Amino acid sequence: MKDSKSSRLTKPGRGERVRRTVSRRGRFGKYGDMKRFERLRRSRLLKGLTGAGRGVFTALAGRGPRTGRRTAEPVVRPASEADASFIEALSRCVFSPYGPYGEILAQWFEHRLGITLVAFVGGTRAGFVMIGPLDANGRLHPVAEILAIAVVPRFQGGGTGRMLLSKALAEARALGAQSVVLHTAEENVPALRLFESFEFIPLALKKGFYPEGQNAHLMVRAIGD
C-alpha cells in the first residue's frame, strides 16, 4: 500500500488484511447472500442439500418494548436437535422481510454448517447465534463469520443478544478464528449499535445484498492474540 504523503510503502493494517482475505475468497460477491449460499450448497459441507439458493442473514430484530420488569440472567448452551424447530420458527419470525431464512437456517443447522448456541431466560428459549463455517476437523477458518443471531422480540433489550454475541466470540477464539466478520441490514440500528459496542468495524456497505433487495453492512472484529 503506497502512502500518498511520503511515497513510502506502508504495511496494511489488520482491517485491510481482513478485507483482502474476504475479497480473495469471494465470500461476499456481486450477488451477496444468494451467491454465497450457492457456493456452499455445492460444497462438501452441504452435499445433497436442496432448497432456496440464498444464504443466511445476520442481525437482531428491532428492539422490543421494555416491560419494566427484571428478567432472569440469560443462560447459553450449545444447541441440540430439540432446538431445531425453535431456530426455524424464530428465523421466520424476525428475518422474513429479508428472504426465506427460516428454511435456509433450518437446513444449515441440520447439516452442521457451523456452531449454534441457544440462550434461555428463565428456562424459556430466548435466542440463538450461529457461527461458521467449520472445516473437516471441526475447527473454524481464520476469518470466521457470524452467520445469524436472533432474539425473541419479548426478550430484546434484556441482555440476551449481548450474552449470545459474547459467547459466540469466545467460541470462535477457542476454535481457531483470528477475526470474525458479519453482515447486518443497513436499517437495523439496534443491531449496528450492539456490534459497534463489541468493537466491530464497518468495512463496506453491500448494495442489494439480501434477496429482498436491502443493503447490508459488512463488519469485522479481530479476536486473535
Protein backbone atom coordinates (compact mmCIF):
# COMPACT_ATOMS: atom_id res chain seq x y z
CA MET A 1 0.00 0.00 0.00
CA LYS A 2 1.52 3.31 -1.03
CA ASP A 3 1.49 6.25 1.38
CA SER A 4 0.34 9.25 -0.71
CA LYS A 5 2.05 11.74 1.59
CA SER A 6 5.53 10.24 1.76
CA SER A 7 5.58 7.88 -1.26
CA ARG A 8 6.73 5.14 1.14
CA LEU A 9 5.36 1.60 1.18
CA THR A 10 3.38 1.03 4.36
CA LYS A 11 2.23 -2.23 5.92
CA PRO A 12 -1.56 -2.69 5.68
CA GLY A 13 -3.44 -2.71 8.97
CA ARG A 14 -5.34 -5.73 10.27
CA GLY A 15 -8.66 -4.41 8.98
CA GLU A 16 -7.21 -4.05 5.48
CA ARG A 17 -5.77 -7.58 5.61
CA VAL A 18 -9.16 -8.98 6.58
CA ARG A 19 -10.80 -7.02 3.75
CA ARG A 20 -8.33 -8.51 1.25
CA THR A 21 -8.83 -12.02 2.65
CA VAL A 22 -12.59 -11.77 2.34
CA SER A 23 -12.26 -10.37 -1.18
CA ARG A 24 -9.88 -13.13 -2.30
CA ARG A 25 -12.18 -15.84 -1.03
CA GLY A 26 -15.10 -14.34 -2.88
CA ARG A 27 -17.41 -14.96 0.05
CA PHE A 28 -19.25 -11.68 -0.44
CA GLY A 29 -19.52 -11.34 -4.19
CA LYS A 30 -21.79 -9.48 -6.56
CA TYR A 31 -24.88 -11.47 -5.61
CA GLY A 32 -24.30 -11.32 -1.86
CA ASP A 33 -26.07 -13.95 0.20
CA MET A 34 -27.50 -15.81 -2.81
CA LYS A 35 -24.10 -16.36 -4.40
CA ARG A 36 -22.50 -17.36 -1.10
CA PHE A 37 -25.21 -19.93 -0.33
CA GLU A 38 -24.97 -21.48 -3.79
CA ARG A 39 -21.23 -21.98 -3.38
CA LEU A 40 -21.68 -23.63 0.00
CA ARG A 41 -24.59 -25.71 -1.30
CA ARG A 42 -22.26 -27.27 -3.85
CA SER A 43 -19.50 -27.84 -1.29
CA ARG A 44 -18.78 -30.98 0.69
CA LEU A 45 -20.34 -29.41 3.78
CA LEU A 46 -23.75 -29.13 2.11
CA LYS A 47 -23.58 -32.08 -0.27
CA GLY A 48 -27.08 -33.08 -1.30
CA LEU A 49 -28.70 -30.03 0.25
CA THR A 50 -31.65 -28.65 -1.71
CA GLY A 51 -33.85 -25.59 -1.28
CA ALA A 52 -33.74 -21.87 -1.89
CA GLY A 53 -30.40 -20.68 -3.25
CA ARG A 54 -29.90 -17.95 -0.71
CA GLY A 55 -27.62 -17.53 2.26
CA VAL A 56 -28.25 -16.71 5.87
CA PHE A 57 -28.79 -13.35 7.47
CA THR A 58 -27.02 -11.75 10.41
CA ALA A 59 -28.89 -9.25 12.56
CA LEU A 60 -31.04 -8.74 15.58
CA ALA A 61 -34.67 -7.87 15.05
CA GLY A 62 -35.79 -4.42 16.15
CA ARG A 63 -35.71 -3.79 19.89
CA GLY A 64 -38.91 -4.92 21.57
CA PRO A 65 -40.87 -2.92 24.13
CA ARG A 66 -39.47 -2.79 27.64
CA THR A 67 -41.84 -4.06 30.32
CA GLY A 68 -40.02 -2.54 33.28
CA ARG A 69 -39.68 -5.99 34.87
CA ARG A 70 -36.37 -7.55 35.79
CA THR A 71 -35.77 -10.76 33.88
CA ALA A 72 -33.58 -13.72 34.72
CA GLU A 73 -29.96 -13.73 33.53
CA PRO A 74 -29.66 -15.40 30.12
CA VAL A 75 -28.04 -18.84 30.10
CA VAL A 76 -26.34 -20.00 26.88
CA ARG A 77 -25.64 -23.60 25.88
CA PRO A 78 -24.83 -25.49 22.64
CA ALA A 79 -27.88 -26.18 20.51
CA SER A 80 -29.30 -29.71 20.25
CA GLU A 81 -31.74 -31.42 17.90
CA ALA A 82 -34.53 -30.38 20.24
CA ASP A 83 -33.83 -26.72 19.34
CA ALA A 84 -34.31 -27.17 15.58
CA SER A 85 -37.97 -26.10 15.48
CA PHE A 86 -37.23 -23.05 17.65
CA ILE A 87 -34.39 -21.91 15.37
CA GLU A 88 -36.58 -22.28 12.28
CA ALA A 89 -39.60 -20.52 13.85
CA LEU A 90 -37.58 -17.59 15.21
CA SER A 91 -35.79 -17.18 11.88
CA ARG A 92 -39.12 -17.00 10.07
CA CYS A 93 -40.40 -14.50 12.63
CA VAL A 94 -37.57 -11.98 12.54
CA PHE A 95 -35.87 -12.49 9.15
CA SER A 96 -38.80 -12.97 6.75
CA PRO A 97 -38.69 -9.36 5.45
CA TYR A 98 -35.25 -10.13 4.01
CA GLY A 99 -35.79 -13.55 2.44
CA PRO A 100 -36.71 -17.21 3.14
CA TYR A 101 -34.33 -17.54 6.06
CA GLY A 102 -36.50 -19.86 8.14
CA GLU A 103 -35.97 -22.64 5.62
CA ILE A 104 -32.33 -21.81 4.99
CA LEU A 105 -31.24 -21.60 8.61
CA ALA A 106 -33.07 -24.81 9.41
CA GLN A 107 -31.13 -26.57 6.65
CA TRP A 108 -27.80 -25.10 7.72
CA PHE A 109 -28.45 -26.16 11.31
CA GLU A 110 -29.40 -29.67 10.19
CA HIS A 111 -26.21 -30.01 8.14
CA ARG A 112 -24.00 -28.51 10.89
CA LEU A 113 -22.56 -25.73 8.81
CA GLY A 114 -21.35 -24.05 11.99
CA ILE A 115 -21.60 -23.91 15.77
CA THR A 116 -25.02 -22.90 17.10
CA LEU A 117 -25.67 -21.63 20.63
CA VAL A 118 -29.10 -21.13 22.21
CA ALA A 119 -29.97 -18.67 25.01
CA PHE A 120 -32.53 -19.41 27.71
CA VAL A 121 -34.19 -16.90 30.02
CA GLY A 122 -35.99 -18.41 32.98
CA GLY A 123 -36.00 -21.79 31.24
CA THR A 124 -37.52 -20.38 28.03
CA ARG A 125 -35.68 -20.27 24.71
CA ALA A 126 -34.90 -16.62 24.02
CA GLY A 127 -32.49 -16.54 21.06
CA PHE A 128 -29.69 -18.19 19.14
CA VAL A 129 -26.44 -17.47 17.34
CA MET A 130 -24.70 -19.45 14.58
CA ILE A 131 -21.03 -19.05 13.65
CA GLY A 132 -19.04 -20.88 10.97
CA PRO A 133 -18.11 -22.38 8.65
CA LEU A 134 -16.37 -25.41 10.18
CA ASP A 135 -13.65 -27.35 8.44
CA ALA A 136 -13.34 -31.15 8.29
CA ASN A 137 -11.71 -31.16 11.73
CA GLY A 138 -14.45 -29.15 13.40
CA ARG A 139 -12.32 -26.00 13.53
CA LEU A 140 -13.23 -22.55 12.27
CA HIS A 141 -11.45 -20.79 9.42
CA PRO A 142 -9.07 -17.95 10.43
CA VAL A 143 -11.74 -15.49 9.27
CA ALA A 144 -14.96 -16.88 10.75
CA GLU A 145 -18.43 -15.46 10.24
CA ILE A 146 -21.41 -14.90 12.49
CA LEU A 147 -23.98 -16.43 10.18
CA ALA A 148 -27.06 -15.48 12.20
CA ILE A 149 -28.05 -14.01 15.55
CA ALA A 150 -31.65 -13.51 16.63
CA VAL A 151 -33.56 -12.77 19.84
CA VAL A 152 -37.25 -13.39 20.54
CA PRO A 153 -38.92 -9.93 20.46
CA ARG A 154 -40.20 -10.03 24.06
CA PHE A 155 -36.66 -10.72 25.31
CA GLN A 156 -34.94 -7.99 23.32
CA GLY A 157 -33.32 -5.23 25.34
CA GLY A 158 -32.67 -7.54 28.28
CA GLY A 159 -29.09 -8.57 27.56
CA THR A 160 -29.77 -11.78 25.63
CA GLY A 161 -28.21 -10.51 22.41
CA ARG A 162 -25.10 -9.32 24.24
CA MET A 163 -24.72 -12.66 26.00
CA LEU A 164 -25.08 -14.60 22.74
CA LEU A 165 -22.56 -12.42 20.93
CA SER A 166 -20.05 -12.61 23.79
CA LYS A 167 -20.30 -16.42 23.91
CA ALA A 168 -20.02 -16.67 20.11
CA LEU A 169 -16.81 -14.64 20.06
CA ALA A 170 -15.33 -16.76 22.86
CA GLU A 171 -16.27 -19.94 20.96
CA ALA A 172 -14.76 -18.59 17.75
CA ARG A 173 -11.48 -17.81 19.51
CA ALA A 174 -11.38 -21.27 21.10
CA LEU A 175 -11.92 -22.91 17.69
CA GLY A 176 -9.04 -21.12 15.99
CA ALA A 177 -10.54 -17.98 14.42
CA GLN A 178 -8.38 -14.86 14.28
CA SER A 179 -11.07 -12.48 13.06
CA VAL A 180 -14.87 -12.52 12.83
CA VAL A 181 -16.99 -10.90 10.12
CA LEU A 182 -20.73 -10.43 9.86
CA HIS A 183 -23.41 -8.78 7.76
CA THR A 184 -26.28 -6.76 9.18
CA ALA A 185 -29.02 -4.76 7.49
CA GLU A 186 -28.32 -1.07 6.97
CA GLU A 187 -31.69 -0.22 8.52
CA ASN A 188 -31.17 -2.34 11.65
CA VAL A 189 -29.91 0.35 14.02
CA PRO A 190 -30.17 -1.69 17.26
CA ALA A 191 -28.01 -4.45 15.75
CA LEU A 192 -25.45 -1.95 14.44
CA ARG A 193 -25.16 -0.38 17.88
CA LEU A 194 -24.72 -3.78 19.50
CA PHE A 195 -21.97 -4.83 17.10
CA GLU A 196 -20.17 -1.49 17.41
CA SER A 197 -20.26 -1.83 21.21
CA PHE A 198 -18.34 -5.12 20.70
CA GLU A 199 -15.72 -3.27 18.61
CA PHE A 200 -16.89 -4.49 15.21
CA ILE A 201 -15.72 -2.08 12.50
CA PRO A 202 -17.69 -1.38 9.28
CA LEU A 203 -15.72 -2.36 6.17
CA ALA A 204 -18.22 -1.90 3.36
CA LEU A 205 -21.86 -1.32 2.50
CA LYS A 206 -23.17 -4.10 0.22
CA LYS A 207 -25.90 -2.76 -2.05
CA GLY A 208 -28.88 -5.08 -2.57
CA PHE A 209 -27.20 -7.80 -0.53
CA TYR A 210 -30.35 -9.55 0.72
CA PRO A 211 -32.78 -11.45 -1.52
CA GLU A 212 -35.46 -8.79 -0.99
CA GLY A 213 -33.07 -6.02 -2.02
CA GLN A 214 -31.97 -4.45 1.28
CA ASN A 215 -28.41 -3.20 1.78
CA ALA A 216 -26.07 -4.75 4.34
CA HIS A 217 -23.05 -3.55 6.30
CA LEU A 218 -20.01 -5.85 6.29
CA MET A 219 -18.31 -5.57 9.70
CA VAL A 220 -15.19 -7.14 11.20
CA ARG A 221 -13.55 -7.63 14.55
CA ALA A 222 -10.12 -9.11 15.31
CA ILE A 223 -10.13 -11.69 18.13
CA GLY A 224 -6.71 -13.32 17.82
CA ASP A 225 -3.77 -12.72 20.13
